[in-house]
mmCIF file of all heavy atoms, coordinates in Angstrom:
data_MODEL
# 
_entry.id   MODEL 
# 
loop_
_atom_site.group_PDB 
_atom_site.id 
_atom_site.type_symbol 
_atom_site.label_atom_id 
_atom_site.label_alt_id 
_atom_site.label_comp_id 
_atom_site.label_asym_id 
_atom_site.label_entity_id 
_atom_site.label_seq_id 
_atom_site.pdbx_PDB_ins_code 
_atom_site.Cartn_x 
_atom_site.Cartn_y 
_atom_site.Cartn_z 
_atom_site.occupancy 
_atom_site.B_iso_or_equiv 
_atom_site.pdbx_formal_charge 
_atom_site.auth_seq_id 
_atom_site.auth_comp_id 
_atom_site.auth_asym_id 
_atom_site.auth_atom_id 
_atom_site.pdbx_PDB_model_num 
ATOM 1   N N   . VAL A 1 1  ? 0.078   8.054  -112.423 1.00 0.00 ? 1  VAL A N   1 
ATOM 2   C CA  . VAL A 1 1  ? 0.659   9.344  -112.785 1.00 0.00 ? 1  VAL A CA  1 
ATOM 3   C C   . VAL A 1 1  ? 2.005   9.090  -113.442 1.00 0.00 ? 1  VAL A C   1 
ATOM 4   O O   . VAL A 1 1  ? 2.782   8.257  -112.989 1.00 0.00 ? 1  VAL A O   1 
ATOM 5   C CB  . VAL A 1 1  ? 0.787   10.290 -111.568 1.00 0.00 ? 1  VAL A CB  1 
ATOM 6   C CG1 . VAL A 1 1  ? 1.667   9.698  -110.472 1.00 0.00 ? 1  VAL A CG1 1 
ATOM 7   C CG2 . VAL A 1 1  ? 1.306   11.657 -111.987 1.00 0.00 ? 1  VAL A CG2 1 
ATOM 8   N N   . ASN A 1 2  ? 2.271   9.794  -114.551 1.00 0.00 ? 2  ASN A N   1 
ATOM 9   C CA  . ASN A 1 2  ? 3.488   9.637  -115.337 1.00 0.00 ? 2  ASN A CA  1 
ATOM 10  C C   . ASN A 1 2  ? 4.491   10.710 -114.946 1.00 0.00 ? 2  ASN A C   1 
ATOM 11  O O   . ASN A 1 2  ? 4.125   11.875 -114.758 1.00 0.00 ? 2  ASN A O   1 
ATOM 12  C CB  . ASN A 1 2  ? 3.126   9.752  -116.830 1.00 0.00 ? 2  ASN A CB  1 
ATOM 13  C CG  . ASN A 1 2  ? 4.289   9.484  -117.725 1.00 0.00 ? 2  ASN A CG  1 
ATOM 14  O OD1 . ASN A 1 2  ? 5.256   10.230 -117.742 1.00 0.00 ? 2  ASN A OD1 1 
ATOM 15  N ND2 . ASN A 1 2  ? 4.188   8.416  -118.492 1.00 0.00 ? 2  ASN A ND2 1 
ATOM 16  N N   . SER A 1 3  ? 5.770   10.349 -114.844 1.00 0.00 ? 3  SER A N   1 
ATOM 17  C CA  . SER A 1 3  ? 6.796   11.297 -114.412 1.00 0.00 ? 3  SER A CA  1 
ATOM 18  C C   . SER A 1 3  ? 7.188   12.302 -115.493 1.00 0.00 ? 3  SER A C   1 
ATOM 19  O O   . SER A 1 3  ? 7.797   13.322 -115.192 1.00 0.00 ? 3  SER A O   1 
ATOM 20  C CB  . SER A 1 3  ? 8.043   10.557 -113.928 1.00 0.00 ? 3  SER A CB  1 
ATOM 21  O OG  . SER A 1 3  ? 8.644   9.870  -115.001 1.00 0.00 ? 3  SER A OG  1 
ATOM 22  N N   . ASP A 1 4  ? 6.858   12.056 -116.763 1.00 0.00 ? 4  ASP A N   1 
ATOM 23  C CA  . ASP A 1 4  ? 7.225   12.992 -117.829 1.00 0.00 ? 4  ASP A CA  1 
ATOM 24  C C   . ASP A 1 4  ? 6.432   14.287 -117.752 1.00 0.00 ? 4  ASP A C   1 
ATOM 25  O O   . ASP A 1 4  ? 6.993   15.377 -117.850 1.00 0.00 ? 4  ASP A O   1 
ATOM 26  C CB  . ASP A 1 4  ? 7.028   12.350 -119.207 1.00 0.00 ? 4  ASP A CB  1 
ATOM 27  C CG  . ASP A 1 4  ? 8.011   11.223 -119.467 1.00 0.00 ? 4  ASP A CG  1 
ATOM 28  O OD1 . ASP A 1 4  ? 9.110   11.241 -118.866 1.00 0.00 ? 4  ASP A OD1 1 
ATOM 29  O OD2 . ASP A 1 4  ? 7.670   10.324 -120.256 1.00 0.00 ? 4  ASP A OD2 1 
ATOM 30  N N   . ASP A 1 5  ? 5.115   14.173 -117.571 1.00 0.00 ? 5  ASP A N   1 
ATOM 31  C CA  . ASP A 1 5  ? 4.270   15.365 -117.576 1.00 0.00 ? 5  ASP A CA  1 
ATOM 32  C C   . ASP A 1 5  ? 3.330   15.439 -116.361 1.00 0.00 ? 5  ASP A C   1 
ATOM 33  O O   . ASP A 1 5  ? 2.535   16.350 -116.254 1.00 0.00 ? 5  ASP A O   1 
ATOM 34  C CB  . ASP A 1 5  ? 3.443   15.424 -118.857 1.00 0.00 ? 5  ASP A CB  1 
ATOM 35  C CG  . ASP A 1 5  ? 2.610   14.165 -119.081 1.00 0.00 ? 5  ASP A CG  1 
ATOM 36  O OD1 . ASP A 1 5  ? 2.568   13.286 -118.191 1.00 0.00 ? 5  ASP A OD1 1 
ATOM 37  O OD2 . ASP A 1 5  ? 2.014   14.049 -120.164 1.00 0.00 ? 5  ASP A OD2 1 
ATOM 38  N N   . PHE A 1 6  ? 3.427   14.462 -115.471 1.00 0.00 ? 6  PHE A N   1 
ATOM 39  C CA  . PHE A 1 6  ? 2.599   14.357 -114.269 1.00 0.00 ? 6  PHE A CA  1 
ATOM 40  C C   . PHE A 1 6  ? 1.112   14.280 -114.604 1.00 0.00 ? 6  PHE A C   1 
ATOM 41  O O   . PHE A 1 6  ? 0.263   14.647 -113.807 1.00 0.00 ? 6  PHE A O   1 
ATOM 42  C CB  . PHE A 1 6  ? 2.901   15.474 -113.276 1.00 0.00 ? 6  PHE A CB  1 
ATOM 43  C CG  . PHE A 1 6  ? 4.329   15.471 -112.841 1.00 0.00 ? 6  PHE A CG  1 
ATOM 44  C CD1 . PHE A 1 6  ? 5.180   16.492 -113.234 1.00 0.00 ? 6  PHE A CD1 1 
ATOM 45  C CD2 . PHE A 1 6  ? 4.845   14.425 -112.096 1.00 0.00 ? 6  PHE A CD2 1 
ATOM 46  C CE1 . PHE A 1 6  ? 6.509   16.466 -112.867 1.00 0.00 ? 6  PHE A CE1 1 
ATOM 47  C CE2 . PHE A 1 6  ? 6.165   14.390 -111.720 1.00 0.00 ? 6  PHE A CE2 1 
ATOM 48  C CZ  . PHE A 1 6  ? 7.004   15.422 -112.119 1.00 0.00 ? 6  PHE A CZ  1 
ATOM 49  N N   . LYS A 1 7  ? 0.809   13.781 -115.803 1.00 0.00 ? 7  LYS A N   1 
ATOM 50  C CA  . LYS A 1 7  ? -0.576  13.567 -116.195 1.00 0.00 ? 7  LYS A CA  1 
ATOM 51  C C   . LYS A 1 7  ? -1.121  12.370 -115.421 1.00 0.00 ? 7  LYS A C   1 
ATOM 52  O O   . LYS A 1 7  ? -0.469  11.341 -115.305 1.00 0.00 ? 7  LYS A O   1 
ATOM 53  C CB  . LYS A 1 7  ? -0.677  13.303 -117.690 1.00 0.00 ? 7  LYS A CB  1 
ATOM 54  C CG  . LYS A 1 7  ? -2.096  13.093 -118.168 1.00 0.00 ? 7  LYS A CG  1 
ATOM 55  C CD  . LYS A 1 7  ? -2.173  12.843 -119.645 1.00 0.00 ? 7  LYS A CD  1 
ATOM 56  C CE  . LYS A 1 7  ? -3.623  12.580 -120.022 1.00 0.00 ? 7  LYS A CE  1 
ATOM 57  N NZ  . LYS A 1 7  ? -3.760  12.115 -121.381 1.00 0.00 ? 7  LYS A NZ  1 
ATOM 58  N N   . VAL A 1 8  ? -2.318  12.527 -114.912 1.00 0.00 ? 8  VAL A N   1 
ATOM 59  C CA  . VAL A 1 8  ? -2.971  11.473 -114.141 1.00 0.00 ? 8  VAL A CA  1 
ATOM 60  C C   . VAL A 1 8  ? -4.065  10.835 -114.990 1.00 0.00 ? 8  VAL A C   1 
ATOM 61  O O   . VAL A 1 8  ? -4.860  11.529 -115.623 1.00 0.00 ? 8  VAL A O   1 
ATOM 62  C CB  . VAL A 1 8  ? -3.585  12.033 -112.840 1.00 0.00 ? 8  VAL A CB  1 
ATOM 63  C CG1 . VAL A 1 8  ? -4.379  10.968 -112.105 1.00 0.00 ? 8  VAL A CG1 1 
ATOM 64  C CG2 . VAL A 1 8  ? -2.499  12.606 -111.949 1.00 0.00 ? 8  VAL A CG2 1 
ATOM 65  N N   . VAL A 1 9  ? -4.087  9.506  -114.997 1.00 0.00 ? 9  VAL A N   1 
ATOM 66  C CA  . VAL A 1 9  ? -5.150  8.760  -115.655 1.00 0.00 ? 9  VAL A CA  1 
ATOM 67  C C   . VAL A 1 9  ? -5.803  7.873  -114.604 1.00 0.00 ? 9  VAL A C   1 
ATOM 68  O O   . VAL A 1 9  ? -5.121  7.198  -113.833 1.00 0.00 ? 9  VAL A O   1 
ATOM 69  C CB  . VAL A 1 9  ? -4.615  7.901  -116.817 1.00 0.00 ? 9  VAL A CB  1 
ATOM 70  C CG1 . VAL A 1 9  ? -5.722  7.040  -117.407 1.00 0.00 ? 9  VAL A CG1 1 
ATOM 71  C CG2 . VAL A 1 9  ? -3.995  8.773  -117.892 1.00 0.00 ? 9  VAL A CG2 1 
ATOM 72  N N   . VAL A 1 10 ? -7.115  7.909  -114.578 1.00 0.00 ? 10 VAL A N   1 
ATOM 73  C CA  . VAL A 1 10 ? -7.872  7.065  -113.662 1.00 0.00 ? 10 VAL A CA  1 
ATOM 74  C C   . VAL A 1 10 ? -8.648  6.061  -114.510 1.00 0.00 ? 10 VAL A C   1 
ATOM 75  O O   . VAL A 1 10 ? -9.426  6.446  -115.377 1.00 0.00 ? 10 VAL A O   1 
ATOM 76  C CB  . VAL A 1 10 ? -8.836  7.888  -112.788 1.00 0.00 ? 10 VAL A CB  1 
ATOM 77  C CG1 . VAL A 1 10 ? -9.562  6.987  -111.802 1.00 0.00 ? 10 VAL A CG1 1 
ATOM 78  C CG2 . VAL A 1 10 ? -8.090  9.002  -112.064 1.00 0.00 ? 10 VAL A CG2 1 
ATOM 79  N N   . ASN A 1 11 ? -8.404  4.789  -114.259 1.00 0.00 ? 11 ASN A N   1 
ATOM 80  C CA  . ASN A 1 11 ? -9.101  3.728  -114.968 1.00 0.00 ? 11 ASN A CA  1 
ATOM 81  C C   . ASN A 1 11 ? -10.123 3.124  -114.014 1.00 0.00 ? 11 ASN A C   1 
ATOM 82  O O   . ASN A 1 11 ? -9.774  2.648  -112.941 1.00 0.00 ? 11 ASN A O   1 
ATOM 83  C CB  . ASN A 1 11 ? -8.123  2.657  -115.465 1.00 0.00 ? 11 ASN A CB  1 
ATOM 84  C CG  . ASN A 1 11 ? -8.804  1.603  -116.285 1.00 0.00 ? 11 ASN A CG  1 
ATOM 85  O OD1 . ASN A 1 11 ? -9.560  0.801  -115.755 1.00 0.00 ? 11 ASN A OD1 1 
ATOM 86  N ND2 . ASN A 1 11 ? -8.544  1.608  -117.576 1.00 0.00 ? 11 ASN A ND2 1 
ATOM 87  N N   . ILE A 1 12 ? -11.369 3.172  -114.432 1.00 0.00 ? 12 ILE A N   1 
ATOM 88  C CA  . ILE A 1 12 ? -12.458 2.632  -113.618 1.00 0.00 ? 12 ILE A CA  1 
ATOM 89  C C   . ILE A 1 12 ? -13.165 1.561  -114.434 1.00 0.00 ? 12 ILE A C   1 
ATOM 90  O O   . ILE A 1 12 ? -13.714 1.853  -115.500 1.00 0.00 ? 12 ILE A O   1 
ATOM 91  C CB  . ILE A 1 12 ? -13.457 3.732  -113.201 1.00 0.00 ? 12 ILE A CB  1 
ATOM 92  C CG1 . ILE A 1 12 ? -12.725 4.826  -112.436 1.00 0.00 ? 12 ILE A CG1 1 
ATOM 93  C CG2 . ILE A 1 12 ? -14.596 3.142  -112.374 1.00 0.00 ? 12 ILE A CG2 1 
ATOM 94  C CD1 . ILE A 1 12 ? -13.560 6.058  -112.182 1.00 0.00 ? 12 ILE A CD1 1 
ATOM 95  N N   . ASN A 1 13 ? -13.073 0.340  -113.946 1.00 0.00 ? 13 ASN A N   1 
ATOM 96  C CA  . ASN A 1 13 ? -13.703 -0.797 -114.615 1.00 0.00 ? 13 ASN A CA  1 
ATOM 97  C C   . ASN A 1 13 ? -13.351 -0.868 -116.098 1.00 0.00 ? 13 ASN A C   1 
ATOM 98  O O   . ASN A 1 13 ? -14.203 -1.119 -116.943 1.00 0.00 ? 13 ASN A O   1 
ATOM 99  C CB  . ASN A 1 13 ? -15.217 -0.778 -114.420 1.00 0.00 ? 13 ASN A CB  1 
ATOM 100 C CG  . ASN A 1 13 ? -15.614 -1.015 -112.992 1.00 0.00 ? 13 ASN A CG  1 
ATOM 101 O OD1 . ASN A 1 13 ? -14.911 -1.686 -112.239 1.00 0.00 ? 13 ASN A OD1 1 
ATOM 102 N ND2 . ASN A 1 13 ? -16.730 -0.453 -112.582 1.00 0.00 ? 13 ASN A ND2 1 
ATOM 103 N N   . GLY A 1 14 ? -12.077 -0.610 -116.424 1.00 0.00 ? 14 GLY A N   1 
ATOM 104 C CA  . GLY A 1 14 ? -11.605 -0.759 -117.798 1.00 0.00 ? 14 GLY A CA  1 
ATOM 105 C C   . GLY A 1 14 ? -11.712 0.469  -118.679 1.00 0.00 ? 14 GLY A C   1 
ATOM 106 O O   . GLY A 1 14 ? -11.305 0.431  -119.827 1.00 0.00 ? 14 GLY A O   1 
ATOM 107 N N   . GLU A 1 15 ? -12.247 1.575  -118.162 1.00 0.00 ? 15 GLU A N   1 
ATOM 108 C CA  . GLU A 1 15 ? -12.355 2.810  -118.946 1.00 0.00 ? 15 GLU A CA  1 
ATOM 109 C C   . GLU A 1 15 ? -11.504 3.897  -118.316 1.00 0.00 ? 15 GLU A C   1 
ATOM 110 O O   . GLU A 1 15 ? -11.538 4.094  -117.102 1.00 0.00 ? 15 GLU A O   1 
ATOM 111 C CB  . GLU A 1 15 ? -13.808 3.282  -119.021 1.00 0.00 ? 15 GLU A CB  1 
ATOM 112 C CG  . GLU A 1 15 ? -14.696 2.400  -119.883 1.00 0.00 ? 15 GLU A CG  1 
ATOM 113 C CD  . GLU A 1 15 ? -16.053 3.039  -120.122 1.00 0.00 ? 15 GLU A CD  1 
ATOM 114 O OE1 . GLU A 1 15 ? -16.098 4.220  -120.524 1.00 0.00 ? 15 GLU A OE1 1 
ATOM 115 O OE2 . GLU A 1 15 ? -17.050 2.349  -119.886 1.00 0.00 ? 15 GLU A OE2 1 
ATOM 116 N N   . ASP A 1 16 ? -10.753 4.642  -119.165 1.00 0.00 ? 16 ASP A N   1 
ATOM 117 C CA  . ASP A 1 16 ? -9.902  5.724  -118.682 1.00 0.00 ? 16 ASP A CA  1 
ATOM 118 C C   . ASP A 1 16 ? -10.680 7.027  -118.577 1.00 0.00 ? 16 ASP A C   1 
ATOM 119 O O   . ASP A 1 16 ? -11.488 7.361  -119.456 1.00 0.00 ? 16 ASP A O   1 
ATOM 120 C CB  . ASP A 1 16 ? -8.712  5.934  -119.625 1.00 0.00 ? 16 ASP A CB  1 
ATOM 121 C CG  . ASP A 1 16 ? -7.690  4.819  -119.532 1.00 0.00 ? 16 ASP A CG  1 
ATOM 122 O OD1 . ASP A 1 16 ? -7.737  4.036  -118.561 1.00 0.00 ? 16 ASP A OD1 1 
ATOM 123 O OD2 . ASP A 1 16 ? -6.831  4.732  -120.432 1.00 0.00 ? 16 ASP A OD2 1 
ATOM 124 N N   . TYR A 1 17 ? -10.398 7.764  -117.498 1.00 0.00 ? 17 TYR A N   1 
ATOM 125 C CA  . TYR A 1 17 ? -11.021 9.059  -117.246 1.00 0.00 ? 17 TYR A CA  1 
ATOM 126 C C   . TYR A 1 17 ? -9.957  10.032 -116.789 1.00 0.00 ? 17 TYR A C   1 
ATOM 127 O O   . TYR A 1 17 ? -8.961  9.638  -116.180 1.00 0.00 ? 17 TYR A O   1 
ATOM 128 C CB  . TYR A 1 17 ? -12.079 8.964  -116.126 1.00 0.00 ? 17 TYR A CB  1 
ATOM 129 C CG  . TYR A 1 17 ? -13.247 8.074  -116.445 1.00 0.00 ? 17 TYR A CG  1 
ATOM 130 C CD1 . TYR A 1 17 ? -13.226 6.720  -116.112 1.00 0.00 ? 17 TYR A CD1 1 
ATOM 131 C CD2 . TYR A 1 17 ? -14.370 8.590  -117.075 1.00 0.00 ? 17 TYR A CD2 1 
ATOM 132 C CE1 . TYR A 1 17 ? -14.309 5.901  -116.408 1.00 0.00 ? 17 TYR A CE1 1 
ATOM 133 C CE2 . TYR A 1 17 ? -15.460 7.771  -117.362 1.00 0.00 ? 17 TYR A CE2 1 
ATOM 134 C CZ  . TYR A 1 17 ? -15.411 6.427  -117.024 1.00 0.00 ? 17 TYR A CZ  1 
ATOM 135 O OH  . TYR A 1 17 ? -16.486 5.618  -117.317 1.00 0.00 ? 17 TYR A OH  1 
ATOM 136 N N   . GLY A 1 18 ? -10.190 11.321 -117.034 1.00 0.00 ? 18 GLY A N   1 
ATOM 137 C CA  . GLY A 1 18 ? -9.378  12.350 -116.418 1.00 0.00 ? 18 GLY A CA  1 
ATOM 138 C C   . GLY A 1 18 ? -9.776  12.459 -114.953 1.00 0.00 ? 18 GLY A C   1 
ATOM 139 O O   . GLY A 1 18 ? -10.826 11.962 -114.545 1.00 0.00 ? 18 GLY A O   1 
ATOM 140 N N   . SER A 1 19 ? -8.947  13.105 -114.168 1.00 0.00 ? 19 SER A N   1 
ATOM 141 C CA  . SER A 1 19 ? -9.178  13.182 -112.720 1.00 0.00 ? 19 SER A CA  1 
ATOM 142 C C   . SER A 1 19 ? -10.545 13.743 -112.354 1.00 0.00 ? 19 SER A C   1 
ATOM 143 O O   . SER A 1 19 ? -11.238 13.197 -111.504 1.00 0.00 ? 19 SER A O   1 
ATOM 144 C CB  . SER A 1 19 ? -8.094  14.030 -112.048 1.00 0.00 ? 19 SER A CB  1 
ATOM 145 O OG  . SER A 1 19 ? -6.869  13.375 -112.122 1.00 0.00 ? 19 SER A OG  1 
ATOM 146 N N   . LYS A 1 20 ? -10.946 14.836 -112.965 1.00 0.00 ? 20 LYS A N   1 
ATOM 147 C CA  . LYS A 1 20 ? -12.196 15.486 -112.572 1.00 0.00 ? 20 LYS A CA  1 
ATOM 148 C C   . LYS A 1 20 ? -13.423 14.622 -112.875 1.00 0.00 ? 20 LYS A C   1 
ATOM 149 O O   . LYS A 1 20 ? -14.314 14.491 -112.055 1.00 0.00 ? 20 LYS A O   1 
ATOM 150 C CB  . LYS A 1 20 ? -12.316 16.852 -113.238 1.00 0.00 ? 20 LYS A CB  1 
ATOM 151 C CG  . LYS A 1 20 ? -11.271 17.830 -112.751 1.00 0.00 ? 20 LYS A CG  1 
ATOM 152 C CD  . LYS A 1 20 ? -11.580 19.224 -113.208 1.00 0.00 ? 20 LYS A CD  1 
ATOM 153 C CE  . LYS A 1 20 ? -10.450 20.159 -112.860 1.00 0.00 ? 20 LYS A CE  1 
ATOM 154 N NZ  . LYS A 1 20 ? -10.406 20.574 -111.510 1.00 0.00 ? 20 LYS A NZ  1 
ATOM 155 N N   . THR A 1 21 ? -13.465 14.022 -114.046 1.00 0.00 ? 21 THR A N   1 
ATOM 156 C CA  . THR A 1 21 ? -14.592 13.165 -114.413 1.00 0.00 ? 21 THR A CA  1 
ATOM 157 C C   . THR A 1 21 ? -14.632 11.922 -113.536 1.00 0.00 ? 21 THR A C   1 
ATOM 158 O O   . THR A 1 21 ? -15.705 11.426 -113.192 1.00 0.00 ? 21 THR A O   1 
ATOM 159 C CB  . THR A 1 21 ? -14.486 12.743 -115.890 1.00 0.00 ? 21 THR A CB  1 
ATOM 160 O OG1 . THR A 1 21 ? -14.332 13.911 -116.690 1.00 0.00 ? 21 THR A OG1 1 
ATOM 161 C CG2 . THR A 1 21 ? -15.706 11.975 -116.336 1.00 0.00 ? 21 THR A CG2 1 
ATOM 162 N N   . ALA A 1 22 ? -13.457 11.438 -113.168 1.00 0.00 ? 22 ALA A N   1 
ATOM 163 C CA  . ALA A 1 22 ? -13.378 10.195 -112.396 1.00 0.00 ? 22 ALA A CA  1 
ATOM 164 C C   . ALA A 1 22 ? -13.980 10.320 -111.007 1.00 0.00 ? 22 ALA A C   1 
ATOM 165 O O   . ALA A 1 22 ? -14.515 9.336  -110.481 1.00 0.00 ? 22 ALA A O   1 
ATOM 166 C CB  . ALA A 1 22 ? -11.924 9.758  -112.279 1.00 0.00 ? 22 ALA A CB  1 
ATOM 167 N N   . GLU A 1 23 ? -13.925 11.494 -110.418 1.00 0.00 ? 23 GLU A N   1 
ATOM 168 C CA  . GLU A 1 23 ? -14.358 11.640 -109.026 1.00 0.00 ? 23 GLU A CA  1 
ATOM 169 C C   . GLU A 1 23 ? -15.813 11.221 -108.825 1.00 0.00 ? 23 GLU A C   1 
ATOM 170 O O   . GLU A 1 23 ? -16.132 10.509 -107.874 1.00 0.00 ? 23 GLU A O   1 
ATOM 171 C CB  . GLU A 1 23 ? -14.119 13.058 -108.518 1.00 0.00 ? 23 GLU A CB  1 
ATOM 172 C CG  . GLU A 1 23 ? -12.672 13.530 -108.623 1.00 0.00 ? 23 GLU A CG  1 
ATOM 173 C CD  . GLU A 1 23 ? -11.626 12.529 -108.163 1.00 0.00 ? 23 GLU A CD  1 
ATOM 174 O OE1 . GLU A 1 23 ? -11.799 11.882 -107.112 1.00 0.00 ? 23 GLU A OE1 1 
ATOM 175 O OE2 . GLU A 1 23 ? -10.612 12.383 -108.878 1.00 0.00 ? 23 GLU A OE2 1 
ATOM 176 N N   . SER A 1 24 ? -16.702 11.641 -109.708 1.00 0.00 ? 24 SER A N   1 
ATOM 177 C CA  . SER A 1 24 ? -18.116 11.249 -109.542 1.00 0.00 ? 24 SER A CA  1 
ATOM 178 C C   . SER A 1 24 ? -18.310 9.756  -109.796 1.00 0.00 ? 24 SER A C   1 
ATOM 179 O O   . SER A 1 24 ? -19.134 9.115  -109.145 1.00 0.00 ? 24 SER A O   1 
ATOM 180 C CB  . SER A 1 24 ? -19.022 12.076 -110.454 1.00 0.00 ? 24 SER A CB  1 
ATOM 181 O OG  . SER A 1 24 ? -18.719 11.839 -111.804 1.00 0.00 ? 24 SER A OG  1 
ATOM 182 N N   . LYS A 1 25 ? -17.542 9.194  -110.726 1.00 0.00 ? 25 LYS A N   1 
ATOM 183 C CA  . LYS A 1 25 ? -17.620 7.750  -110.984 1.00 0.00 ? 25 LYS A CA  1 
ATOM 184 C C   . LYS A 1 25 ? -17.139 6.962  -109.761 1.00 0.00 ? 25 LYS A C   1 
ATOM 185 O O   . LYS A 1 25 ? -17.727 5.934  -109.412 1.00 0.00 ? 25 LYS A O   1 
ATOM 186 C CB  . LYS A 1 25 ? -16.772 7.377  -112.198 1.00 0.00 ? 25 LYS A CB  1 
ATOM 187 C CG  . LYS A 1 25 ? -17.182 8.046  -113.473 1.00 0.00 ? 25 LYS A CG  1 
ATOM 188 C CD  . LYS A 1 25 ? -18.371 7.356  -114.063 1.00 0.00 ? 25 LYS A CD  1 
ATOM 189 C CE  . LYS A 1 25 ? -18.717 7.966  -115.407 1.00 0.00 ? 25 LYS A CE  1 
ATOM 190 N NZ  . LYS A 1 25 ? -19.980 7.503  -115.913 1.00 0.00 ? 25 LYS A NZ  1 
ATOM 191 N N   . ILE A 1 26 ? -16.081 7.439  -109.130 1.00 0.00 ? 26 ILE A N   1 
ATOM 192 C CA  . ILE A 1 26 ? -15.571 6.776  -107.925 1.00 0.00 ? 26 ILE A CA  1 
ATOM 193 C C   . ILE A 1 26 ? -16.598 6.883  -106.797 1.00 0.00 ? 26 ILE A C   1 
ATOM 194 O O   . ILE A 1 26 ? -16.842 5.910  -106.079 1.00 0.00 ? 26 ILE A O   1 
ATOM 195 C CB  . ILE A 1 26 ? -14.208 7.358  -107.506 1.00 0.00 ? 26 ILE A CB  1 
ATOM 196 C CG1 . ILE A 1 26 ? -13.151 6.989  -108.551 1.00 0.00 ? 26 ILE A CG1 1 
ATOM 197 C CG2 . ILE A 1 26 ? -13.809 6.864  -106.118 1.00 0.00 ? 26 ILE A CG2 1 
ATOM 198 C CD1 . ILE A 1 26 ? -11.827 7.694  -108.384 1.00 0.00 ? 26 ILE A CD1 1 
ATOM 199 N N   . ASP A 1 27 ? -17.211 8.049  -106.650 1.00 0.00 ? 27 ASP A N   1 
ATOM 200 C CA  . ASP A 1 27 ? -18.260 8.211  -105.637 1.00 0.00 ? 27 ASP A CA  1 
ATOM 201 C C   . ASP A 1 27 ? -19.376 7.189  -105.838 1.00 0.00 ? 27 ASP A C   1 
ATOM 202 O O   . ASP A 1 27 ? -19.890 6.626  -104.881 1.00 0.00 ? 27 ASP A O   1 
ATOM 203 C CB  . ASP A 1 27 ? -18.847 9.627  -105.673 1.00 0.00 ? 27 ASP A CB  1 
ATOM 204 C CG  . ASP A 1 27 ? -17.896 10.678 -105.124 1.00 0.00 ? 27 ASP A CG  1 
ATOM 205 O OD1 . ASP A 1 27 ? -16.854 10.306 -104.536 1.00 0.00 ? 27 ASP A OD1 1 
ATOM 206 O OD2 . ASP A 1 27 ? -18.198 11.878 -105.296 1.00 0.00 ? 27 ASP A OD2 1 
ATOM 207 N N   . GLU A 1 28 ? -19.734 6.951  -107.101 1.00 0.00 ? 28 GLU A N   1 
ATOM 208 C CA  . GLU A 1 28 ? -20.767 5.953  -107.396 1.00 0.00 ? 28 GLU A CA  1 
ATOM 209 C C   . GLU A 1 28 ? -20.325 4.560  -106.965 1.00 0.00 ? 28 GLU A C   1 
ATOM 210 O O   . GLU A 1 28 ? -21.096 3.820  -106.351 1.00 0.00 ? 28 GLU A O   1 
ATOM 211 C CB  . GLU A 1 28 ? -21.081 5.943  -108.894 1.00 0.00 ? 28 GLU A CB  1 
ATOM 212 C CG  . GLU A 1 28 ? -21.855 7.140  -109.368 1.00 0.00 ? 28 GLU A CG  1 
ATOM 213 C CD  . GLU A 1 28 ? -22.016 7.164  -110.886 1.00 0.00 ? 28 GLU A CD  1 
ATOM 214 O OE1 . GLU A 1 28 ? -21.921 6.082  -111.520 1.00 0.00 ? 28 GLU A OE1 1 
ATOM 215 O OE2 . GLU A 1 28 ? -22.231 8.255  -111.428 1.00 0.00 ? 28 GLU A OE2 1 
# 
């Protein structure tokens, strides 16, 4: 999470995702 805009990036196995999309990938 970045302090400028509090945007969250989730990187899963080298690919960036937004928070909502990342949740199902993390569940997998």
